[in-house]
Amino acid sequence: MLAKLGVGNAHPGGFGETMEQLKKYPIEKGKRVLEVGCGTGRTACFLAEQGCEVTAVDIRPEMVAKAIIRAEKQGVKVDFREGDVCQLPFENESFDVVMVESVTNFAEAQKAVSEYYRVLKPGGKLYDREVIRVKNMSTGVHRALCSFYGVSKIYSMDEWRELLEGSKFAVDFSGIHPFPLTMFEDQVQHPDPVHLSDKQSFMDPRIWQITARYDELVNKYHSYMGYTLMIGSKE
C-alpha cells in the first residue's frame, strides 16, 4: 500500500520527526550515511541535500525505483540499492551513520541490529526510530497488532535495549512519544514535494480497506504503544 501511494515518510512522527531528530542530532557534511528501509527516499534525499554521502537500501524494488525518480527530481546523488536489512550488501565498517525509521521491527530484529553494527565504523552511530510497547498487552491485543503489521513481536523499551546491547551497542533513548492516531499525520505541515503515487492507487479498494483497519486498531489500542528514537554507539 505504501509503495502504491508513494508515501515519503510513514514512520511514527513522519517527516516532522525526522527534521527534529536531525536538528537535535545533526550529521556532519561529508559523513557516509546508510539509510535502511529507505522507501521512496525522502529522508535519504534530504540528507544528500545537506551534504552527506548517502547510500540507501530497501527490500522492495518498486520503492527503490521511486526513490531513484525522487533523487533525479530533487537533483541529488544517492546510491539507491535493493537489499535486505538482515543481509546488507556492504563491507564491514563502511559507514559513519546508519539511519533507520521504523524498519527493524519488520525484519528479524536481532539479525538486522547485528548488521547495523557490522557495517558501522568504530565510533559510528545508529539512529533507529521504532514503535515500543508502553504497557502490558493481553495475548489477544498483541496478536491483533502483530497480525496487522506483519511483525512477530512488539518490543518494550527494555527489550529493545537488551536487543541492541546484545549486538554490542551502547544505547541511549531520546524520549517516549504517544502513538499517532493517523497514518499520515504530518502531510499538512510537511507535505511531500515529490508526488510518486501510482495512477489509480486512490481508487484501489484494498488500500481503503487497509487504512480503515488501521484506524480501527489504533483507536482501540493506541494507548498500549508509543515510539522512541534509539541511539546506538559503536565503541
C-alpha atoms as a PDB file:
ATOM      1  CA  MET A   1       0.000   0.000   0.000  1.00  0.00           C
ATOM      2  CA  LEU A   2       2.751   2.453   0.949  1.00  0.00           C
ATOM      3  CA  ALA A   3       4.562   1.690  -2.294  1.00  0.00           C
ATOM      4  CA  LYS A   4       1.443   2.275  -4.391  1.00  0.00           C
ATOM      5  CA  LEU A   5       0.692   5.562  -2.630  1.00  0.00           C
ATOM      6  CA  GLY A   6       4.337   6.627  -2.837  1.00  0.00           C
ATOM      7  CA  VAL A   7       4.337   7.650   0.830  1.00  0.00           C
ATOM      8  CA  GLY A   8       7.505   9.566   1.694  1.00  0.00           C
ATOM      9  CA  ASN A   9       7.607   9.015   5.454  1.00  0.00           C
ATOM     10  CA  ALA A  10       5.210   6.526   7.023  1.00  0.00           C
ATOM     11  CA  HIS A  11       7.109   6.074  10.294  1.00  0.00           C
ATOM     12  CA  PRO A  12       5.654   7.402  13.576  1.00  0.00           C
ATOM     13  CA  GLY A  13       6.105  11.161  13.716  1.00  0.00           C
ATOM     14  CA  GLY A  14       6.554  11.393   9.951  1.00  0.00           C
ATOM     15  CA  PHE A  15       8.989  13.757   8.263  1.00  0.00           C
ATOM     16  CA  GLY A  16       8.497  16.347  11.002  1.00  0.00           C
ATOM     17  CA  GLU A  17      10.048  13.942  13.491  1.00  0.00           C
ATOM     18  CA  THR A  18      12.912  13.278  11.083  1.00  0.00           C
ATOM     19  CA  MET A  19      13.598  17.012  10.880  1.00  0.00           C
ATOM     20  CA  GLU A  20      13.529  17.381  14.666  1.00  0.00           C
ATOM     21  CA  GLN A  21      15.928  14.467  15.045  1.00  0.00           C
ATOM     22  CA  LEU A  22      18.423  15.960  12.602  1.00  0.00           C
ATOM     23  CA  LYS A  23      18.274  19.297  14.417  1.00  0.00           C
ATOM     24  CA  LYS A  24      18.949  17.637  17.754  1.00  0.00           C
ATOM     25  CA  TYR A  25      21.491  15.139  16.411  1.00  0.00           C
ATOM     26  CA  PRO A  26      22.980  16.781  13.296  1.00  0.00           C
ATOM     27  CA  ILE A  27      25.079  14.734  10.896  1.00  0.00           C
ATOM     28  CA  GLU A  28      28.179  16.481   9.582  1.00  0.00           C
ATOM     29  CA  LYS A  29      28.650  17.147   5.888  1.00  0.00           C
ATOM     30  CA  GLY A  30      30.713  14.504   4.176  1.00  0.00           C
ATOM     31  CA  LYS A  31      29.748  11.700   6.549  1.00  0.00           C
ATOM     32  CA  ARG A  32      28.942   8.350   4.955  1.00  0.00           C
ATOM     33  CA  VAL A  33      25.322   7.581   5.823  1.00  0.00           C
ATOM     34  CA  LEU A  34      23.388   4.383   5.199  1.00  0.00           C
ATOM     35  CA  GLU A  35      19.599   4.518   5.369  1.00  0.00           C
ATOM     36  CA  VAL A  36      17.986   1.100   5.608  1.00  0.00           C
ATOM     37  CA  GLY A  37      14.381   0.626   4.551  1.00  0.00           C
ATOM     38  CA  CYS A  38      14.514   3.932   2.670  1.00  0.00           C
ATOM     39  CA  GLY A  39      11.107   3.623   0.995  1.00  0.00           C
ATOM     40  CA  THR A  40      10.654   6.321  -1.653  1.00  0.00           C
ATOM     41  CA  GLY A  41      13.828   8.046  -0.489  1.00  0.00           C
ATOM     42  CA  ARG A  42      12.592  11.248   1.146  1.00  0.00           C
ATOM     43  CA  THR A  43      14.960  11.109   4.127  1.00  0.00           C
ATOM     44  CA  ALA A  44      17.881   9.878   2.007  1.00  0.00           C
ATOM     45  CA  CYS A  45      17.467  12.731  -0.479  1.00  0.00           C
ATOM     46  CA  PHE A  46      17.173  15.284   2.310  1.00  0.00           C
ATOM     47  CA  LEU A  47      20.423  14.034   3.847  1.00  0.00           C
ATOM     48  CA  ALA A  48      22.106  14.269   0.449  1.00  0.00           C
ATOM     49  CA  GLU A  49      20.916  17.872   0.168  1.00  0.00           C
ATOM     50  CA  GLN A  50      22.640  18.558   3.490  1.00  0.00           C
ATOM     51  CA  GLY A  51      25.971  17.353   2.084  1.00  0.00           C
ATOM     52  CA  CYS A  52      26.081  13.765   3.344  1.00  0.00           C
ATOM     53  CA  GLU A  53      27.355  10.908   1.192  1.00  0.00           C
ATOM     54  CA  VAL A  54      24.229   8.737   1.217  1.00  0.00           C
ATOM     55  CA  THR A  55      23.606   5.104   0.380  1.00  0.00           C
ATOM     56  CA  ALA A  56      20.083   3.738   0.852  1.00  0.00           C
ATOM     57  CA  VAL A  57      18.539   0.284   0.586  1.00  0.00           C
ATOM     58  CA  ASP A  58      15.019  -1.095   0.501  1.00  0.00           C
ATOM     59  CA  ILE A  59      13.806  -4.656   0.038  1.00  0.00           C
ATOM     60  CA  ARG A  60      11.019  -3.638  -2.354  1.00  0.00           C
ATOM     61  CA  PRO A  61      12.140  -2.859  -5.930  1.00  0.00           C
ATOM     62  CA  GLU A  62       9.155  -0.571  -6.564  1.00  0.00           C
ATOM     63  CA  MET A  63      10.260   1.606  -3.632  1.00  0.00           C
ATOM     64  CA  VAL A  64      13.825   1.788  -4.949  1.00  0.00           C
ATOM     65  CA  ALA A  65      12.535   2.741  -8.412  1.00  0.00           C
ATOM     66  CA  LYS A  66      10.519   5.613  -6.930  1.00  0.00           C
ATOM     67  CA  ALA A  67      13.450   6.707  -4.770  1.00  0.00           C
ATOM     68  CA  ILE A  68      15.640   6.982  -7.879  1.00  0.00           C
ATOM     69  CA  ILE A  69      12.989   9.173  -9.533  1.00  0.00           C
ATOM     70  CA  ARG A  70      12.850  11.358  -6.419  1.00  0.00           C
ATOM     71  CA  ALA A  71      16.624  11.886  -6.429  1.00  0.00           C
ATOM     72  CA  GLU A  72      16.510  12.870 -10.105  1.00  0.00           C
ATOM     73  CA  LYS A  73      13.679  15.348  -9.491  1.00  0.00           C
ATOM     74  CA  GLN A  74      15.466  16.855  -6.486  1.00  0.00           C
ATOM     75  CA  GLY A  75      18.824  16.951  -8.251  1.00  0.00           C
ATOM     76  CA  VAL A  76      20.751  14.997  -5.617  1.00  0.00           C
ATOM     77  CA  LYS A  77      23.055  11.993  -5.724  1.00  0.00           C
ATOM     78  CA  VAL A  78      22.097   8.950  -3.640  1.00  0.00           C
ATOM     79  CA  ASP A  79      23.285   5.377  -4.174  1.00  0.00           C
ATOM     80  CA  PHE A  80      19.950   3.520  -4.013  1.00  0.00           C
ATOM     81  CA  ARG A  81      20.055  -0.269  -3.921  1.00  0.00           C
ATOM     82  CA  GLU A  82      17.686  -3.173  -3.419  1.00  0.00           C
ATOM     83  CA  GLY A  83      18.697  -5.065  -0.317  1.00  0.00           C
ATOM     84  CA  ASP A  84      17.691  -6.883   2.866  1.00  0.00           C
ATOM     85  CA  VAL A  85      18.488  -5.238   6.209  1.00  0.00           C
ATOM     86  CA  CYS A  86      19.313  -8.684   7.613  1.00  0.00           C
ATOM     87  CA  GLN A  87      21.999  -9.214   4.968  1.00  0.00           C
ATOM     88  CA  LEU A  88      23.327  -5.811   3.998  1.00  0.00           C
ATOM     89  CA  PRO A  89      25.406  -5.820   0.785  1.00  0.00           C
ATOM     90  CA  PHE A  90      28.290  -3.803   2.241  1.00  0.00           C
ATOM     91  CA  GLU A  91      31.736  -4.414   3.698  1.00  0.00           C
ATOM     92  CA  ASN A  92      32.434  -4.237   7.409  1.00  0.00           C
ATOM     93  CA  GLU A  93      32.935  -0.740   8.853  1.00  0.00           C
ATOM     94  CA  SER A  94      31.696   1.110   5.742  1.00  0.00           C
ATOM     95  CA  PHE A  95      29.535   3.877   7.271  1.00  0.00           C
ATOM     96  CA  ASP A  96      29.694   6.645   9.848  1.00  0.00           C
ATOM     97  CA  VAL A  97      25.933   6.651  10.462  1.00  0.00           C
ATOM     98  CA  VAL A  98      23.086   4.168   9.996  1.00  0.00           C
ATOM     99  CA  MET A  99      19.602   5.729   9.819  1.00  0.00           C
ATOM    100  CA  VAL A 100      16.507   3.595  10.419  1.00  0.00           C
ATOM    101  CA  GLU A 101      12.897   4.769  10.530  1.00  0.00           C
ATOM    102  CA  SER A 102      10.512   2.049  11.731  1.00  0.00           C
ATOM    103  CA  VAL A 103      12.116  -0.836   9.840  1.00  0.00           C
ATOM    104  CA  THR A 104      13.885  -3.087  12.349  1.00  0.00           C
ATOM    105  CA  ASN A 105      10.655  -4.351  13.913  1.00  0.00           C
ATOM    106  CA  PHE A 106       9.505  -5.546  10.479  1.00  0.00           C
ATOM    107  CA  ALA A 107      12.639  -7.636   9.976  1.00  0.00           C
ATOM    108  CA  GLU A 108      14.350 -10.284  12.091  1.00  0.00           C
ATOM    109  CA  ALA A 109      15.329  -7.635  14.602  1.00  0.00           C
ATOM    110  CA  GLN A 110      18.399  -9.286  16.112  1.00  0.00           C
ATOM    111  CA  LYS A 111      19.894 -10.034  12.699  1.00  0.00           C
ATOM    112  CA  ALA A 112      19.174  -6.513  11.491  1.00  0.00           C
ATOM    113  CA  VAL A 113      20.777  -4.864  14.516  1.00  0.00           C
ATOM    114  CA  SER A 114      23.847  -7.095  14.162  1.00  0.00           C
ATOM    115  CA  GLU A 115      24.136  -5.963  10.544  1.00  0.00           C
ATOM    116  CA  TYR A 116      23.897  -2.295  11.550  1.00  0.00           C
ATOM    117  CA  TYR A 117      26.759  -2.843  13.978  1.00  0.00           C
ATOM    118  CA  ARG A 118      28.839  -4.710  11.393  1.00  0.00           C
ATOM    119  CA  VAL A 119      28.671  -2.003   8.706  1.00  0.00           C
ATOM    120  CA  LEU A 120      29.306   0.897  11.100  1.00  0.00           C
ATOM    121  CA  LYS A 121      32.806   2.249  11.569  1.00  0.00           C
ATOM    122  CA  PRO A 122      34.224   2.354  15.114  1.00  0.00           C
ATOM    123  CA  GLY A 123      32.729   5.435  16.746  1.00  0.00           C
ATOM    124  CA  GLY A 124      29.757   5.276  14.361  1.00  0.00           C
ATOM    125  CA  LYS A 125      26.152   5.999  15.312  1.00  0.00           C
ATOM    126  CA  LEU A 126      22.876   4.176  14.795  1.00  0.00           C
ATOM    127  CA  TYR A 127      19.663   6.227  14.869  1.00  0.00           C
ATOM    128  CA  ASP A 128      16.650   3.909  14.892  1.00  0.00           C
ATOM    129  CA  ARG A 129      13.082   5.153  15.440  1.00  0.00           C
ATOM    130  CA  GLU A 130      10.774   2.281  16.388  1.00  0.00           C
ATOM    131  CA  VAL A 131       7.390   1.530  17.918  1.00  0.00           C
ATOM    132  CA  ILE A 132       7.542   0.360  21.522  1.00  0.00           C
ATOM    133  CA  ARG A 133       5.123  -1.353  23.862  1.00  0.00           C
ATOM    134  CA  VAL A 134       4.485   1.044  26.750  1.00  0.00           C
ATOM    135  CA  LYS A 135       2.287  -1.242  28.872  1.00  0.00           C
ATOM    136  CA  ASN A 136       1.449  -4.918  29.072  1.00  0.00           C
ATOM    137  CA  MET A 137      -0.893  -6.286  26.416  1.00  0.00           C
ATOM    138  CA  SER A 138      -3.190  -9.258  26.553  1.00  0.00           C
ATOM    139  CA  THR A 139      -2.384 -12.093  24.180  1.00  0.00           C
ATOM    140  CA  GLY A 140      -5.359 -11.104  22.023  1.00  0.00           C
ATOM    141  CA  VAL A 141      -4.303  -7.454  21.672  1.00  0.00           C
ATOM    142  CA  HIS A 142      -0.715  -8.405  20.915  1.00  0.00           C
ATOM    143  CA  ARG A 143      -1.824 -10.956  18.316  1.00  0.00           C
ATOM    144  CA  ALA A 144      -4.159  -8.473  16.600  1.00  0.00           C
ATOM    145  CA  LEU A 145      -1.474  -5.795  16.301  1.00  0.00           C
ATOM    146  CA  CYS A 146       1.279  -8.182  15.212  1.00  0.00           C
ATOM    147  CA  SER A 147      -1.010  -9.751  12.622  1.00  0.00           C
ATOM    148  CA  PHE A 148      -1.903  -6.385  11.080  1.00  0.00           C
ATOM    149  CA  TYR A 149       1.672  -5.100  10.967  1.00  0.00           C
ATOM    150  CA  GLY A 150       3.187  -8.424   9.955  1.00  0.00           C
ATOM    151  CA  VAL A 151       5.640  -8.486  12.848  1.00  0.00           C
ATOM    152  CA  SER A 152       6.453 -11.243  15.318  1.00  0.00           C
ATOM    153  CA  LYS A 153       6.602  -9.036  18.398  1.00  0.00           C
ATOM    154  CA  ILE A 154       6.108  -5.503  19.701  1.00  0.00           C
ATOM    155  CA  TYR A 155       9.093  -4.792  21.931  1.00  0.00           C
ATOM    156  CA  SER A 156       9.180  -2.856  25.182  1.00  0.00           C
ATOM    157  CA  MET A 157      11.927  -0.296  25.722  1.00  0.00           C
ATOM    158  CA  ASP A 158      13.789  -2.735  27.977  1.00  0.00           C
ATOM    159  CA  GLU A 159      13.574  -5.421  25.294  1.00  0.00           C
ATOM    160  CA  TRP A 160      14.905  -3.044  22.647  1.00  0.00           C
ATOM    161  CA  ARG A 161      17.762  -2.122  24.982  1.00  0.00           C
ATOM    162  CA  GLU A 162      18.604  -5.777  25.558  1.00  0.00           C
ATOM    163  CA  LEU A 163      18.493  -6.459  21.823  1.00  0.00           C
ATOM    164  CA  LEU A 164      20.847  -3.591  20.931  1.00  0.00           C
ATOM    165  CA  GLU A 165      23.216  -4.269  23.795  1.00  0.00           C
ATOM    166  CA  GLY A 166      23.298  -7.909  22.677  1.00  0.00           C
ATOM    167  CA  SER A 167      24.902  -6.656  19.463  1.00  0.00           C
ATOM    168  CA  LYS A 168      27.469  -4.641  21.471  1.00  0.00           C
ATOM    169  CA  PHE A 169      25.879  -1.208  21.022  1.00  0.00           C
ATOM    170  CA  ALA A 170      25.994   1.336  23.833  1.00  0.00           C
ATOM    171  CA  VAL A 171      22.370   2.533  23.875  1.00  0.00           C
ATOM    172  CA  ASP A 172      20.523   5.755  24.705  1.00  0.00           C
ATOM    173  CA  PHE A 173      16.855   6.619  24.158  1.00  0.00           C
ATOM    174  CA  SER A 174      15.509  10.018  23.177  1.00  0.00           C
ATOM    175  CA  GLY A 175      12.142  10.169  24.921  1.00  0.00           C
ATOM    176  CA  ILE A 176       8.885   8.266  24.545  1.00  0.00           C
ATOM    177  CA  HIS A 177       6.188   9.722  22.294  1.00  0.00           C
ATOM    178  CA  PRO A 178       2.498   8.777  22.099  1.00  0.00           C
ATOM    179  CA  PHE A 179       1.498   6.614  19.179  1.00  0.00           C
ATOM    180  CA  PRO A 180      -0.013   8.693  16.329  1.00  0.00           C
ATOM    181  CA  LEU A 181      -3.726   8.336  15.717  1.00  0.00           C
ATOM    182  CA  THR A 182      -3.440   8.735  11.944  1.00  0.00           C
ATOM    183  CA  MET A 183      -1.192   7.003   9.427  1.00  0.00           C
ATOM    184  CA  PHE A 184      -0.255  10.156   7.533  1.00  0.00           C
ATOM    185  CA  GLU A 185      -0.117  12.619  10.394  1.00  0.00           C
ATOM    186  CA  ASP A 186       2.193  15.320   9.019  1.00  0.00           C
ATOM    187  CA  GLN A 187       1.077  15.653   5.396  1.00  0.00           C
ATOM    188  CA  VAL A 188      -0.277  19.146   6.069  1.00  0.00           C
ATOM    189  CA  GLN A 189       2.709  20.571   7.956  1.00  0.00           C
ATOM    190  CA  HIS A 190       5.337  18.709   5.901  1.00  0.00           C
ATOM    191  CA  PRO A 191       3.835  17.903   2.504  1.00  0.00           C
ATOM    192  CA  ASP A 192       5.962  15.806   0.184  1.00  0.00           C
ATOM    193  CA  PRO A 193       7.151  17.986  -2.736  1.00  0.00           C
ATOM    194  CA  VAL A 194       7.637  14.945  -4.990  1.00  0.00           C
ATOM    195  CA  HIS A 195       4.403  13.128  -5.879  1.00  0.00           C
ATOM    196  CA  LEU A 196       5.154   9.442  -6.537  1.00  0.00           C
ATOM    197  CA  SER A 197       1.815   7.641  -6.193  1.00  0.00           C
ATOM    198  CA  ASP A 198       0.745   5.100  -8.800  1.00  0.00           C
ATOM    199  CA  LYS A 199      -2.021   6.090 -11.163  1.00  0.00           C
ATOM    200  CA  GLN A 200      -5.422   4.975  -9.883  1.00  0.00           C
ATOM    201  CA  SER A 201      -3.941   3.938  -6.498  1.00  0.00           C
ATOM    202  CA  PHE A 202      -6.546   6.016  -4.673  1.00  0.00           C
ATOM    203  CA  MET A 203      -9.265   4.029  -6.462  1.00  0.00           C
ATOM    204  CA  ASP A 204      -7.950   0.674  -5.191  1.00  0.00           C
ATOM    205  CA  PRO A 205     -10.475  -0.643  -2.620  1.00  0.00           C
ATOM    206  CA  ARG A 206      -7.785  -2.728  -0.904  1.00  0.00           C
ATOM    207  CA  ILE A 207      -5.952   0.438   0.114  1.00  0.00           C
ATOM    208  CA  TRP A 208      -9.016   1.860   1.805  1.00  0.00           C
ATOM    209  CA  GLN A 209      -9.707  -1.469   3.497  1.00  0.00           C
ATOM    210  CA  ILE A 210      -6.205  -1.391   4.991  1.00  0.00           C
ATOM    211  CA  THR A 211      -6.483   2.218   6.160  1.00  0.00           C
ATOM    212  CA  ALA A 212      -9.899   1.509   7.704  1.00  0.00           C
ATOM    213  CA  ARG A 213      -8.473  -1.489   9.561  1.00  0.00           C
ATOM    214  CA  TYR A 214      -5.535   0.638  10.711  1.00  0.00           C
ATOM    215  CA  ASP A 215      -7.869   3.325  12.072  1.00  0.00           C
ATOM    216  CA  GLU A 216      -9.935   0.692  13.863  1.00  0.00           C
ATOM    217  CA  LEU A 217      -6.926  -0.915  15.544  1.00  0.00           C
ATOM    218  CA  VAL A 218      -5.239   2.347  16.501  1.00  0.00           C
ATOM    219  CA  ASN A 219      -8.402   3.796  18.006  1.00  0.00           C
ATOM    220  CA  LYS A 220      -8.785   0.671  20.147  1.00  0.00           C
ATOM    221  CA  TYR A 221      -5.175   0.002  21.110  1.00  0.00           C
ATOM    222  CA  HIS A 222      -3.046   3.155  20.694  1.00  0.00           C
ATOM    223  CA  SER A 223      -2.626   3.514  24.463  1.00  0.00           C
ATOM    224  CA  TYR A 224      -0.539   0.330  24.522  1.00  0.00           C
ATOM    225  CA  MET A 225       2.073   1.748  22.152  1.00  0.00           C
ATOM    226  CA  GLY A 226       4.421   4.661  21.707  1.00  0.00           C
ATOM    227  CA  TYR A 227       7.624   5.238  19.821  1.00  0.00           C
ATOM    228  CA  THR A 228      11.171   6.264  20.623  1.00  0.00           C
ATOM    229  CA  LEU A 229      14.461   7.117  18.963  1.00  0.00           C
ATOM    230  CA  MET A 230      17.158   4.627  19.899  1.00  0.00           C
ATOM    231  CA  ILE A 231      20.731   5.848  19.588  1.00  0.00           C
ATOM    232  CA  GLY A 232      23.358   3.131  19.373  1.00  0.00           C
ATOM    233  CA  SER A 233      27.076   3.877  19.583  1.00  0.00           C
ATOM    234  CA  LYS A 234      29.735   1.518  18.258  1.00  0.00           C
ATOM    235  CA  GLU A 235      32.632   1.980  20.599  1.00  0.00           C
END
